[in-house]
C-alpha atoms as a PDB file:
ATOM      1  CA  UNK A   1       0.000   0.000   0.000  1.00  0.00           C
ATOM      2  CA  UNK A   2       1.351   3.420  -0.968  1.00  0.00           C
ATOM      3  CA  UNK A   3       0.632   6.406   1.225  1.00  0.00           C
ATOM      4  CA  UNK A   4      -0.033   9.722  -0.428  1.00  0.00           C
ATOM      5  CA  UNK A   5       1.282  12.825   1.216  1.00  0.00           C
ATOM      6  CA  UNK A   6      -0.395  16.213   0.847  1.00  0.00           C
ATOM      7  CA  UNK A   7       2.895  18.018   1.330  1.00  0.00           C
ATOM      8  CA  UNK A   8       5.328  17.417  -1.534  1.00  0.00           C
ATOM      9  CA  UNK A   9       8.804  16.311  -0.562  1.00  0.00           C
ATOM     10  CA  UNK A  10      11.362  18.997  -1.251  1.00  0.00           C
ATOM     11  CA  UNK A  11      14.280  18.336  -3.524  1.00  0.00           C
ATOM     12  CA  UNK A  12      17.679  20.030  -3.651  1.00  0.00           C
ATOM     13  CA  UNK A  13      16.351  22.876  -5.776  1.00  0.00           C
ATOM     14  CA  UNK A  14      13.470  23.818  -3.485  1.00  0.00           C
ATOM     15  CA  UNK A  15      15.100  22.952  -0.154  1.00  0.00           C
ATOM     16  CA  UNK A  16      16.310  26.510   0.440  1.00  0.00           C
ATOM     17  CA  UNK A  17      12.932  27.993  -0.478  1.00  0.00           C
ATOM     18  CA  UNK A  18      11.201  25.532   1.851  1.00  0.00           C
ATOM     19  CA  UNK A  19      13.618  26.443   4.635  1.00  0.00           C
ATOM     20  CA  UNK A  20      13.035  30.165   4.099  1.00  0.00           C
ATOM     21  CA  UNK A  21       9.288  29.646   4.175  1.00  0.00           C
ATOM     22  CA  UNK A  22       9.525  27.509   7.321  1.00  0.00           C
ATOM     23  CA  UNK A  23      11.733  29.906   9.280  1.00  0.00           C
ATOM     24  CA  UNK A  24      10.148  33.205   8.229  1.00  0.00           C
ATOM     25  CA  UNK A  25       6.510  32.267   8.765  1.00  0.00           C
ATOM     26  CA  UNK A  26       4.870  32.559  12.150  1.00  0.00           C
ATOM     27  CA  UNK A  27       4.467  35.120  14.899  1.00  0.00           C
ATOM     28  CA  UNK A  28       8.070  35.373  16.133  1.00  0.00           C
ATOM     29  CA  UNK A  29      10.023  38.609  15.818  1.00  0.00           C
ATOM     30  CA  UNK A  30      12.153  39.141  12.725  1.00  0.00           C
ATOM     31  CA  UNK A  31      15.363  38.800  14.739  1.00  0.00           C
ATOM     32  CA  UNK A  32      14.292  35.382  16.061  1.00  0.00           C
ATOM     33  CA  UNK A  33      13.350  34.279  12.551  1.00  0.00           C
ATOM     34  CA  UNK A  34      16.742  35.329  11.168  1.00  0.00           C
ATOM     35  CA  UNK A  35      18.578  33.592  14.013  1.00  0.00           C
ATOM     36  CA  UNK A  36      16.693  30.328  13.509  1.00  0.00           C
ATOM     37  CA  UNK A  37      17.397  30.412   9.756  1.00  0.00           C
ATOM     38  CA  UNK A  38      21.095  31.137  10.352  1.00  0.00           C
ATOM     39  CA  UNK A  39      21.337  28.192  12.753  1.00  0.00           C
ATOM     40  CA  UNK A  40      19.587  25.852  10.322  1.00  0.00           C
ATOM     41  CA  UNK A  41      21.472  26.959   7.201  1.00  0.00           C
ATOM     42  CA  UNK A  42      24.747  28.718   8.053  1.00  0.00           C
ATOM     43  CA  UNK A  43      26.195  28.558   4.517  1.00  0.00           C
ATOM     44  CA  UNK A  44      23.076  29.984   2.904  1.00  0.00           C
ATOM     45  CA  UNK A  45      22.808  32.799   5.442  1.00  0.00           C
ATOM     46  CA  UNK A  46      26.499  33.627   4.978  1.00  0.00           C
ATOM     47  CA  UNK A  47      25.991  33.750   1.238  1.00  0.00           C
ATOM     48  CA  UNK A  48      22.999  36.079   1.594  1.00  0.00           C
ATOM     49  CA  UNK A  49      24.981  38.399   3.900  1.00  0.00           C
ATOM     50  CA  UNK A  50      27.893  38.392   1.454  1.00  0.00           C
ATOM     51  CA  UNK A  51      25.702  39.290  -1.513  1.00  0.00           C
ATOM     52  CA  UNK A  52      24.010  42.049   0.488  1.00  0.00           C
ATOM     53  CA  UNK A  53      27.453  43.388   1.471  1.00  0.00           C
ATOM     54  CA  UNK A  54      28.614  43.427  -2.140  1.00  0.00           C
ATOM     55  CA  UNK A  55      25.466  45.250  -3.216  1.00  0.00           C
ATOM     56  CA  UNK A  56      25.908  47.806  -0.438  1.00  0.00           C
ATOM     57  CA  UNK A  57      29.590  48.343  -1.275  1.00  0.00           C
ATOM     58  CA  UNK A  58      28.731  48.771  -4.957  1.00  0.00           C
ATOM     59  CA  UNK A  59      26.049  51.314  -4.223  1.00  0.00           C
ATOM     60  CA  UNK A  60      28.293  53.315  -1.876  1.00  0.00           C
ATOM     61  CA  UNK A  61      31.143  53.266  -4.383  1.00  0.00           C
ATOM     62  CA  UNK A  62      29.259  55.477  -6.817  1.00  0.00           C
ATOM     63  CA  UNK A  63      28.467  58.144  -4.187  1.00  0.00           C
ATOM     64  CA  UNK A  64      31.998  59.642  -4.130  1.00  0.00           C
ATOM     65  CA  UNK A  65      32.038  60.854  -7.757  1.00  0.00           C
ATOM     66  CA  UNK A  66      32.062  64.635  -8.244  1.00  0.00           C
END
């Protein structure tokens, strides 16, 4: 007998999206949500911080032109 599941199993491509959805839904504060995501996926959170830092550095770089 095969059981059917209402919730589809996540694969490698949707695992990060599922994790984001899981950690950022609910009534907790944003800081608690970010901390729980960083504990669950340290490499992904480091990558997101790195990309945000590069975007910030790139946007500040153009401000010094006269």
